[in-house]
Amino acid sequence: MEENIRILWIDPVGSSDFHKQVKKVLESIKRKDVEVDVVGLSKGPSHLEYKSYEPLILVETLEKVVVAERKGYDAVIIGCFDDPGLQEARELVDIPVIGPGETCMHIACMLGHKFSVITAIREALARLEDHVFMYGLEKKLASFRFVDMRLKEMQDDPEKLHSTLIREAKKAIEEDDAEVIVLGCTVETGFMDKLIEELKVPIIDVTIVSFKFAEMMADLKRKTGLSHSKIWGYKTPRKEDMIIGASSKR
C-alpha cells in the first residue's frame, strides 16, 4: 500500500497564534490519504506587513524547506500571500514548493476575465503590485482592495472581517469589474463558502486553494516526477555552495 501524501505548511513568522486555526482548516478539507503538519519559526516578527521584515525570516524558512524534503514530505507551502522565499526555496529542493500568492492569482485567471485581491492593509500595496508584475498578471488584475485591519484584529474579530470582506468584494465587483475575488491573506480563511453564496462569484480562500494545489502537485511528483524545472530559474546551487543544506541536518 502506498504511503500517505505528506504536506508541510510553514507559517513564516515567529508566532504560533495562527497555527491552530490553519491546522483546523486544512484538516477539514484535506483528502483522507494526506497528512498535514503546520509549523512556524523559532524567532522573528509576528507578521510580514513590512518589506524589511521579510529578510529576518528567510534563512530559517529555507532551512525548514530543506529539512522537510529530507524528512520525506511530498510538498511544502510557504504560508503567506507574499510568498517569502518562494523562488529561493525552489532552488534548494526537488519537491514542489507552493506560494499562496502565485498559485491563487494564477488560478483566479482561469475562473474569470479579471480578479481583485482583498488584503489587510494599504501598506502592502507596493509589494503586492511588484508580485503581480513578477508573475506576469498585471493585465488580469482589476484592483487591490483592503479591509484596513491588522492581522491580530482580523483573528480576534472574525465577524467584522466577514462584513468588511463582503463590502470590499462588492465594490471590486461593481466598481472595478472584477469577476473573481482573491482573499489575499492567509488569515482571511474560513469565509469562502459563505462569500460564494452571498456574492455569486468565485471566491478564492488562499489557504484552502493553495493547499489543494499542493495535494495535486504532490500526486504528480510521486506518479510522474513532475516538479519545478532545474534548468535556469530554479537551478540548484552546487553542493560545495550549499550553506543552507550544510546547516540544516536537524
C-alpha atoms as a PDB file:
ATOM      1  CA  MET A   1       0.000   0.000   0.000  1.00  0.00           C
ATOM      2  CA  GLU A   2       1.322   3.429  -0.951  1.00  0.00           C
ATOM      3  CA  GLU A   3       2.215   5.700   1.949  1.00  0.00           C
ATOM      4  CA  ASN A   4       0.112   8.770   2.626  1.00  0.00           C
ATOM      5  CA  ILE A   5       0.989  12.049   0.952  1.00  0.00           C
ATOM      6  CA  ARG A   6       2.709  14.355   3.469  1.00  0.00           C
ATOM      7  CA  ILE A   7       2.479  18.145   3.140  1.00  0.00           C
ATOM      8  CA  LEU A   8       4.162  20.727   5.367  1.00  0.00           C
ATOM      9  CA  TRP A   9       2.645  24.182   5.868  1.00  0.00           C
ATOM     10  CA  ILE A  10       5.297  26.647   7.058  1.00  0.00           C
ATOM     11  CA  ASP A  11       3.915  29.763   8.755  1.00  0.00           C
ATOM     12  CA  PRO A  12       6.889  32.063   8.120  1.00  0.00           C
ATOM     13  CA  VAL A  13       6.644  34.130  11.301  1.00  0.00           C
ATOM     14  CA  GLY A  14       7.927  33.860  14.856  1.00  0.00           C
ATOM     15  CA  SER A  15       4.482  33.427  16.378  1.00  0.00           C
ATOM     16  CA  SER A  16       2.177  30.442  16.883  1.00  0.00           C
ATOM     17  CA  ASP A  17      -1.070  32.450  17.141  1.00  0.00           C
ATOM     18  CA  PHE A  18      -2.380  31.235  13.779  1.00  0.00           C
ATOM     19  CA  HIS A  19      -1.192  27.620  13.799  1.00  0.00           C
ATOM     20  CA  LYS A  20      -4.250  26.021  15.401  1.00  0.00           C
ATOM     21  CA  GLN A  21      -6.636  27.861  13.089  1.00  0.00           C
ATOM     22  CA  VAL A  22      -4.834  26.934   9.885  1.00  0.00           C
ATOM     23  CA  LYS A  23      -4.352  23.331  11.055  1.00  0.00           C
ATOM     24  CA  LYS A  24      -8.096  23.067  11.734  1.00  0.00           C
ATOM     25  CA  VAL A  25      -8.959  24.459   8.292  1.00  0.00           C
ATOM     26  CA  LEU A  26      -6.543  22.162   6.469  1.00  0.00           C
ATOM     27  CA  GLU A  27      -7.644  19.073   8.391  1.00  0.00           C
ATOM     28  CA  SER A  28     -11.240  19.828   7.379  1.00  0.00           C
ATOM     29  CA  ILE A  29     -10.521  19.927   3.631  1.00  0.00           C
ATOM     30  CA  LYS A  30      -7.621  17.521   3.089  1.00  0.00           C
ATOM     31  CA  ARG A  31      -8.032  14.122   1.490  1.00  0.00           C
ATOM     32  CA  LYS A  32      -8.006  11.026   3.700  1.00  0.00           C
ATOM     33  CA  ASP A  33      -4.716   9.892   2.187  1.00  0.00           C
ATOM     34  CA  VAL A  34      -2.985  13.189   3.020  1.00  0.00           C
ATOM     35  CA  GLU A  35      -1.206  14.150   6.241  1.00  0.00           C
ATOM     36  CA  VAL A  36      -0.588  17.817   7.009  1.00  0.00           C
ATOM     37  CA  ASP A  37       1.703  19.429   9.565  1.00  0.00           C
ATOM     38  CA  VAL A  38       1.820  23.123  10.420  1.00  0.00           C
ATOM     39  CA  VAL A  39       4.999  24.687  11.787  1.00  0.00           C
ATOM     40  CA  GLY A  40       6.269  28.180  12.459  1.00  0.00           C
ATOM     41  CA  LEU A  41       9.650  29.734  13.087  1.00  0.00           C
ATOM     42  CA  SER A  42      11.601  29.769  16.340  1.00  0.00           C
ATOM     43  CA  LYS A  43      12.006  33.557  16.186  1.00  0.00           C
ATOM     44  CA  GLY A  44      11.163  36.555  14.053  1.00  0.00           C
ATOM     45  CA  PRO A  45       8.360  39.089  13.589  1.00  0.00           C
ATOM     46  CA  SER A  46       4.742  38.114  14.261  1.00  0.00           C
ATOM     47  CA  HIS A  47       3.681  39.324  10.802  1.00  0.00           C
ATOM     48  CA  LEU A  48       5.211  40.348   7.459  1.00  0.00           C
ATOM     49  CA  GLU A  49       3.406  43.635   6.907  1.00  0.00           C
ATOM     50  CA  TYR A  50       6.653  45.464   6.087  1.00  0.00           C
ATOM     51  CA  LYS A  51       9.274  44.681   3.457  1.00  0.00           C
ATOM     52  CA  SER A  52      12.088  44.960   5.988  1.00  0.00           C
ATOM     53  CA  TYR A  53      10.631  42.054   7.984  1.00  0.00           C
ATOM     54  CA  GLU A  54      10.993  39.513   5.189  1.00  0.00           C
ATOM     55  CA  PRO A  55      14.805  39.159   5.308  1.00  0.00           C
ATOM     56  CA  LEU A  56      14.522  38.364   9.012  1.00  0.00           C
ATOM     57  CA  ILE A  57      12.668  35.116   8.351  1.00  0.00           C
ATOM     58  CA  LEU A  58      14.292  33.859   5.167  1.00  0.00           C
ATOM     59  CA  VAL A  59      17.148  31.717   6.494  1.00  0.00           C
ATOM     60  CA  GLU A  60      15.036  29.691   8.906  1.00  0.00           C
ATOM     61  CA  THR A  61      12.214  29.387   6.365  1.00  0.00           C
ATOM     62  CA  LEU A  62      14.619  27.969   3.782  1.00  0.00           C
ATOM     63  CA  GLU A  63      16.134  25.630   6.370  1.00  0.00           C
ATOM     64  CA  LYS A  64      12.702  24.230   7.150  1.00  0.00           C
ATOM     65  CA  VAL A  65      12.036  23.626   3.444  1.00  0.00           C
ATOM     66  CA  VAL A  66      15.309  21.698   3.096  1.00  0.00           C
ATOM     67  CA  VAL A  67      14.636  19.658   6.243  1.00  0.00           C
ATOM     68  CA  ALA A  68      11.092  18.910   5.060  1.00  0.00           C
ATOM     69  CA  GLU A  69      12.400  17.233   1.912  1.00  0.00           C
ATOM     70  CA  ARG A  70      14.881  15.207   3.957  1.00  0.00           C
ATOM     71  CA  LYS A  71      12.095  14.054   6.267  1.00  0.00           C
ATOM     72  CA  GLY A  72      10.053  12.765   3.350  1.00  0.00           C
ATOM     73  CA  TYR A  73       7.442  15.440   2.846  1.00  0.00           C
ATOM     74  CA  ASP A  74       5.959  15.444  -0.653  1.00  0.00           C
ATOM     75  CA  ALA A  75       5.298  19.192  -0.876  1.00  0.00           C
ATOM     76  CA  VAL A  76       5.791  22.372   1.129  1.00  0.00           C
ATOM     77  CA  ILE A  77       3.643  25.507   1.322  1.00  0.00           C
ATOM     78  CA  ILE A  78       5.188  28.775   2.488  1.00  0.00           C
ATOM     79  CA  GLY A  79       2.022  30.008   4.155  1.00  0.00           C
ATOM     80  CA  CYS A  80       1.915  33.720   3.379  1.00  0.00           C
ATOM     81  CA  PHE A  81       0.319  35.517   0.435  1.00  0.00           C
ATOM     82  CA  ASP A  82       3.560  37.475  -0.029  1.00  0.00           C
ATOM     83  CA  ASP A  83       5.351  34.214  -0.948  1.00  0.00           C
ATOM     84  CA  PRO A  84       8.520  34.999   1.054  1.00  0.00           C
ATOM     85  CA  GLY A  85      11.498  32.933  -0.057  1.00  0.00           C
ATOM     86  CA  LEU A  86       9.484  31.075  -2.685  1.00  0.00           C
ATOM     87  CA  GLN A  87      11.942  31.361  -5.575  1.00  0.00           C
ATOM     88  CA  GLU A  88      14.919  30.663  -3.327  1.00  0.00           C
ATOM     89  CA  ALA A  89      13.290  27.598  -1.766  1.00  0.00           C
ATOM     90  CA  ARG A  90      12.650  26.064  -5.173  1.00  0.00           C
ATOM     91  CA  GLU A  91      16.382  26.201  -5.878  1.00  0.00           C
ATOM     92  CA  LEU A  92      17.153  24.111  -2.816  1.00  0.00           C
ATOM     93  CA  VAL A  93      14.785  21.136  -3.148  1.00  0.00           C
ATOM     94  CA  ASP A  94      13.205  18.876  -5.744  1.00  0.00           C
ATOM     95  CA  ILE A  95       9.772  18.584  -4.140  1.00  0.00           C
ATOM     96  CA  PRO A  96       7.086  21.145  -5.081  1.00  0.00           C
ATOM     97  CA  VAL A  97       7.195  24.384  -3.077  1.00  0.00           C
ATOM     98  CA  ILE A  98       3.919  26.295  -3.217  1.00  0.00           C
ATOM     99  CA  GLY A  99       3.275  30.001  -2.664  1.00  0.00           C
ATOM    100  CA  PRO A 100      -0.335  31.018  -1.914  1.00  0.00           C
ATOM    101  CA  GLY A 101       0.014  34.320  -3.775  1.00  0.00           C
ATOM    102  CA  GLU A 102       1.419  32.962  -7.026  1.00  0.00           C
ATOM    103  CA  THR A 103      -0.834  29.893  -7.012  1.00  0.00           C
ATOM    104  CA  CYS A 104      -4.105  31.628  -6.273  1.00  0.00           C
ATOM    105  CA  MET A 105      -3.663  34.598  -8.589  1.00  0.00           C
ATOM    106  CA  HIS A 106      -2.967  32.231 -11.483  1.00  0.00           C
ATOM    107  CA  ILE A 107      -5.986  30.103 -10.603  1.00  0.00           C
ATOM    108  CA  ALA A 108      -8.115  33.262 -10.441  1.00  0.00           C
ATOM    109  CA  CYS A 109      -7.183  33.954 -14.078  1.00  0.00           C
ATOM    110  CA  MET A 110      -8.759  30.626 -15.058  1.00  0.00           C
ATOM    111  CA  LEU A 111     -12.023  31.372 -13.256  1.00  0.00           C
ATOM    112  CA  GLY A 112     -12.795  34.779 -14.756  1.00  0.00           C
ATOM    113  CA  HIS A 113     -11.534  37.537 -17.017  1.00  0.00           C
ATOM    114  CA  LYS A 114     -10.164  39.750 -14.215  1.00  0.00           C
ATOM    115  CA  PHE A 115      -9.637  39.339 -10.492  1.00  0.00           C
ATOM    116  CA  SER A 116      -9.362  41.613  -7.468  1.00  0.00           C
ATOM    117  CA  VAL A 117      -7.309  40.951  -4.349  1.00  0.00           C
ATOM    118  CA  ILE A 118      -8.674  41.914  -0.940  1.00  0.00           C
ATOM    119  CA  THR A 119      -5.910  42.056   1.625  1.00  0.00           C
ATOM    120  CA  ALA A 120      -5.166  43.515   5.037  1.00  0.00           C
ATOM    121  CA  ILE A 121      -3.617  46.983   4.919  1.00  0.00           C
ATOM    122  CA  ARG A 122      -2.681  49.580   2.295  1.00  0.00           C
ATOM    123  CA  GLU A 123       0.986  49.452   3.278  1.00  0.00           C
ATOM    124  CA  ALA A 124       1.130  46.126   1.421  1.00  0.00           C
ATOM    125  CA  LEU A 125       0.183  47.664  -1.937  1.00  0.00           C
ATOM    126  CA  ALA A 126       3.654  48.285  -3.384  1.00  0.00           C
ATOM    127  CA  ARG A 127       4.881  44.783  -2.556  1.00  0.00           C
ATOM    128  CA  LEU A 128       1.749  43.142  -3.947  1.00  0.00           C
ATOM    129  CA  GLU A 129       1.883  45.187  -7.139  1.00  0.00           C
ATOM    130  CA  ASP A 130       5.504  44.093  -7.600  1.00  0.00           C
ATOM    131  CA  HIS A 131       4.415  40.449  -7.277  1.00  0.00           C
ATOM    132  CA  VAL A 132       1.623  40.842  -9.823  1.00  0.00           C
ATOM    133  CA  PHE A 133       4.147  42.204 -12.345  1.00  0.00           C
ATOM    134  CA  MET A 134       6.690  39.492 -11.474  1.00  0.00           C
ATOM    135  CA  TYR A 135       4.052  36.810 -12.104  1.00  0.00           C
ATOM    136  CA  GLY A 136       3.041  38.472 -15.400  1.00  0.00           C
ATOM    137  CA  LEU A 137      -0.571  39.035 -14.361  1.00  0.00           C
ATOM    138  CA  GLU A 138      -0.909  42.823 -14.470  1.00  0.00           C
ATOM    139  CA  LYS A 139      -3.377  42.695 -17.383  1.00  0.00           C
ATOM    140  CA  LYS A 140      -5.646  40.348 -15.423  1.00  0.00           C
ATOM    141  CA  LEU A 141      -5.762  42.423 -12.237  1.00  0.00           C
ATOM    142  CA  ALA A 142      -8.888  44.520 -11.709  1.00  0.00           C
ATOM    143  CA  SER A 143      -7.875  46.065  -8.372  1.00  0.00           C
ATOM    144  CA  PHE A 144      -6.478  45.748  -4.900  1.00  0.00           C
ATOM    145  CA  ARG A 145      -8.806  46.499  -2.024  1.00  0.00           C
ATOM    146  CA  PHE A 146      -8.164  46.481   1.710  1.00  0.00           C
ATOM    147  CA  VAL A 147     -10.015  45.599   4.892  1.00  0.00           C
ATOM    148  CA  ASP A 148      -7.748  48.034   6.799  1.00  0.00           C
ATOM    149  CA  MET A 149      -7.379  45.606   9.692  1.00  0.00           C
ATOM    150  CA  ARG A 150      -4.153  44.396  11.255  1.00  0.00           C
ATOM    151  CA  LEU A 151      -3.639  40.642  11.414  1.00  0.00           C
ATOM    152  CA  LYS A 152      -4.332  40.419  15.137  1.00  0.00           C
ATOM    153  CA  GLU A 153      -7.617  42.294  14.720  1.00  0.00           C
ATOM    154  CA  MET A 154      -8.580  40.006  11.843  1.00  0.00           C
ATOM    155  CA  GLN A 155      -8.026  36.957  14.050  1.00  0.00           C
ATOM    156  CA  ASP A 156      -9.800  38.448  17.072  1.00  0.00           C
ATOM    157  CA  ASP A 157     -12.866  39.832  15.265  1.00  0.00           C
ATOM    158  CA  PRO A 158     -13.996  37.407  12.521  1.00  0.00           C
ATOM    159  CA  GLU A 159     -17.466  38.986  12.329  1.00  0.00           C
ATOM    160  CA  LYS A 160     -16.012  42.384  11.452  1.00  0.00           C
ATOM    161  CA  LEU A 161     -13.634  40.732   8.992  1.00  0.00           C
ATOM    162  CA  HIS A 162     -16.525  38.897   7.312  1.00  0.00           C
ATOM    163  CA  SER A 163     -18.637  42.027   6.894  1.00  0.00           C
ATOM    164  CA  THR A 164     -15.659  44.032   5.652  1.00  0.00           C
ATOM    165  CA  LEU A 165     -14.767  41.370   3.094  1.00  0.00           C
ATOM    166  CA  ILE A 166     -18.328  41.462   1.762  1.00  0.00           C
ATOM    167  CA  ARG A 167     -18.261  45.254   1.484  1.00  0.00           C
ATOM    168  CA  GLU A 168     -14.920  45.406  -0.316  1.00  0.00           C
ATOM    169  CA  ALA A 169     -15.739  42.465  -2.589  1.00  0.00           C
ATOM    170  CA  LYS A 170     -18.965  44.146  -3.688  1.00  0.00           C
ATOM    171  CA  LYS A 171     -17.016  47.302  -4.513  1.00  0.00           C
ATOM    172  CA  ALA A 172     -14.478  45.292  -6.507  1.00  0.00           C
ATOM    173  CA  ILE A 173     -17.266  43.604  -8.491  1.00  0.00           C
ATOM    174  CA  GLU A 174     -19.456  46.654  -9.047  1.00  0.00           C
ATOM    175  CA  GLU A 175     -16.813  49.384  -9.428  1.00  0.00           C
ATOM    176  CA  ASP A 176     -13.709  47.567 -10.692  1.00  0.00           C
ATOM    177  CA  ASP A 177     -15.338  44.907 -12.915  1.00  0.00           C
ATOM    178  CA  ALA A 178     -13.749  42.049 -11.011  1.00  0.00           C
ATOM    179  CA  GLU A 179     -15.163  38.616 -11.805  1.00  0.00           C
ATOM    180  CA  VAL A 180     -13.099  36.706  -9.247  1.00  0.00           C
ATOM    181  CA  ILE A 181     -12.130  37.715  -5.701  1.00  0.00           C
ATOM    182  CA  VAL A 182      -8.884  36.536  -4.124  1.00  0.00           C
ATOM    183  CA  LEU A 183      -8.771  36.786  -0.327  1.00  0.00           C
ATOM    184  CA  GLY A 184      -5.188  37.995  -0.255  1.00  0.00           C
ATOM    185  CA  CYS A 185      -4.127  36.969   3.236  1.00  0.00           C
ATOM    186  CA  THR A 186      -3.983  33.513   4.787  1.00  0.00           C
ATOM    187  CA  VAL A 187      -5.715  34.896   7.902  1.00  0.00           C
ATOM    188  CA  GLU A 188      -8.786  35.643   5.749  1.00  0.00           C
ATOM    189  CA  THR A 189      -9.601  31.949   5.775  1.00  0.00           C
ATOM    190  CA  GLY A 190     -12.877  30.233   6.584  1.00  0.00           C
ATOM    191  CA  PHE A 191     -15.255  32.507   4.653  1.00  0.00           C
ATOM    192  CA  MET A 192     -15.043  31.129   1.116  1.00  0.00           C
ATOM    193  CA  ASP A 193     -18.274  29.138   1.040  1.00  0.00           C
ATOM    194  CA  LYS A 194     -20.289  31.924   2.708  1.00  0.00           C
ATOM    195  CA  LEU A 195     -18.939  34.586   0.356  1.00  0.00           C
ATOM    196  CA  ILE A 196     -19.571  32.478  -2.743  1.00  0.00           C
ATOM    197  CA  GLU A 197     -23.167  32.007  -1.614  1.00  0.00           C
ATOM    198  CA  GLU A 198     -23.627  35.703  -0.814  1.00  0.00           C
ATOM    199  CA  LEU A 199     -21.821  37.257  -3.785  1.00  0.00           C
ATOM    200  CA  LYS A 200     -22.397  34.634  -6.521  1.00  0.00           C
ATOM    201  CA  VAL A 201     -18.852  34.942  -7.891  1.00  0.00           C
ATOM    202  CA  PRO A 202     -15.748  32.763  -7.463  1.00  0.00           C
ATOM    203  CA  ILE A 203     -14.021  33.494  -4.150  1.00  0.00           C
ATOM    204  CA  ILE A 204     -10.535  32.103  -3.548  1.00  0.00           C
ATOM    205  CA  ASP A 205      -9.511  31.316   0.018  1.00  0.00           C
ATOM    206  CA  VAL A 206      -5.743  31.230  -0.441  1.00  0.00           C
ATOM    207  CA  THR A 207      -5.167  28.876   2.486  1.00  0.00           C
ATOM    208  CA  ILE A 208      -7.546  26.253   1.119  1.00  0.00           C
ATOM    209  CA  VAL A 209      -6.818  26.630  -2.593  1.00  0.00           C
ATOM    210  CA  SER A 210      -3.029  26.660  -2.256  1.00  0.00           C
ATOM    211  CA  PHE A 211      -3.242  23.518  -0.104  1.00  0.00           C
ATOM    212  CA  LYS A 212      -5.409  21.689  -2.642  1.00  0.00           C
ATOM    213  CA  PHE A 213      -2.950  22.713  -5.358  1.00  0.00           C
ATOM    214  CA  ALA A 214      -0.137  21.295  -3.217  1.00  0.00           C
ATOM    215  CA  GLU A 215      -2.042  17.994  -2.980  1.00  0.00           C
ATOM    216  CA  MET A 216      -2.230  17.855  -6.764  1.00  0.00           C
ATOM    217  CA  MET A 217       1.458  18.688  -7.232  1.00  0.00           C
ATOM    218  CA  ALA A 218       2.456  16.121  -4.624  1.00  0.00           C
ATOM    219  CA  ASP A 219       0.441  13.500  -6.534  1.00  0.00           C
ATOM    220  CA  LEU A 220       2.073  14.434  -9.831  1.00  0.00           C
ATOM    221  CA  LYS A 221       5.552  14.439  -8.328  1.00  0.00           C
ATOM    222  CA  ARG A 222       5.056  10.911  -6.977  1.00  0.00           C
ATOM    223  CA  LYS A 223       3.429   9.464 -10.073  1.00  0.00           C
ATOM    224  CA  THR A 224       5.244  11.267 -12.886  1.00  0.00           C
ATOM    225  CA  GLY A 225       8.201  13.111 -11.353  1.00  0.00           C
ATOM    226  CA  LEU A 226       6.708  16.499 -12.286  1.00  0.00           C
ATOM    227  CA  SER A 227       8.083  19.403 -10.259  1.00  0.00           C
ATOM    228  CA  HIS A 228       9.931  22.688 -10.781  1.00  0.00           C
ATOM    229  CA  SER A 229      12.356  22.959 -13.684  1.00  0.00           C
ATOM    230  CA  LYS A 230      16.018  22.905 -12.693  1.00  0.00           C
ATOM    231  CA  ILE A 231      17.494  24.330 -15.891  1.00  0.00           C
ATOM    232  CA  TRP A 232      17.835  28.029 -15.048  1.00  0.00           C
ATOM    233  CA  GLY A 233      15.298  29.775 -12.822  1.00  0.00           C
ATOM    234  CA  TYR A 234      15.336  27.197 -10.007  1.00  0.00           C
ATOM    235  CA  LYS A 235      18.721  25.623 -10.697  1.00  0.00           C
ATOM    236  CA  THR A 236      20.094  24.003  -7.544  1.00  0.00           C
ATOM    237  CA  PRO A 237      23.348  25.510  -6.215  1.00  0.00           C
ATOM    238  CA  ARG A 238      26.481  23.389  -6.314  1.00  0.00           C
ATOM    239  CA  LYS A 239      26.886  21.132  -3.277  1.00  0.00           C
ATOM    240  CA  GLU A 240      30.005  22.965  -2.170  1.00  0.00           C
ATOM    241  CA  ASP A 241      27.977  26.190  -2.111  1.00  0.00           C
ATOM    242  CA  MET A 242      25.002  24.780  -0.192  1.00  0.00           C
ATOM    243  CA  ILE A 243      25.266  26.773   3.024  1.00  0.00           C
ATOM    244  CA  ILE A 244      21.605  26.188   3.846  1.00  0.00           C
ATOM    245  CA  GLY A 245      21.934  22.463   3.279  1.00  0.00           C
ATOM    246  CA  ALA A 246      25.075  22.214   5.410  1.00  0.00           C
ATOM    247  CA  SER A 247      23.389  23.892   8.394  1.00  0.00           C
ATOM    248  CA  SER A 248      20.090  22.031   8.144  1.00  0.00           C
ATOM    249  CA  LYS A 249      20.837  18.466   9.242  1.00  0.00           C
ATOM    250  CA  ARG A 250      18.487  18.509  12.223  1.00  0.00           C
END
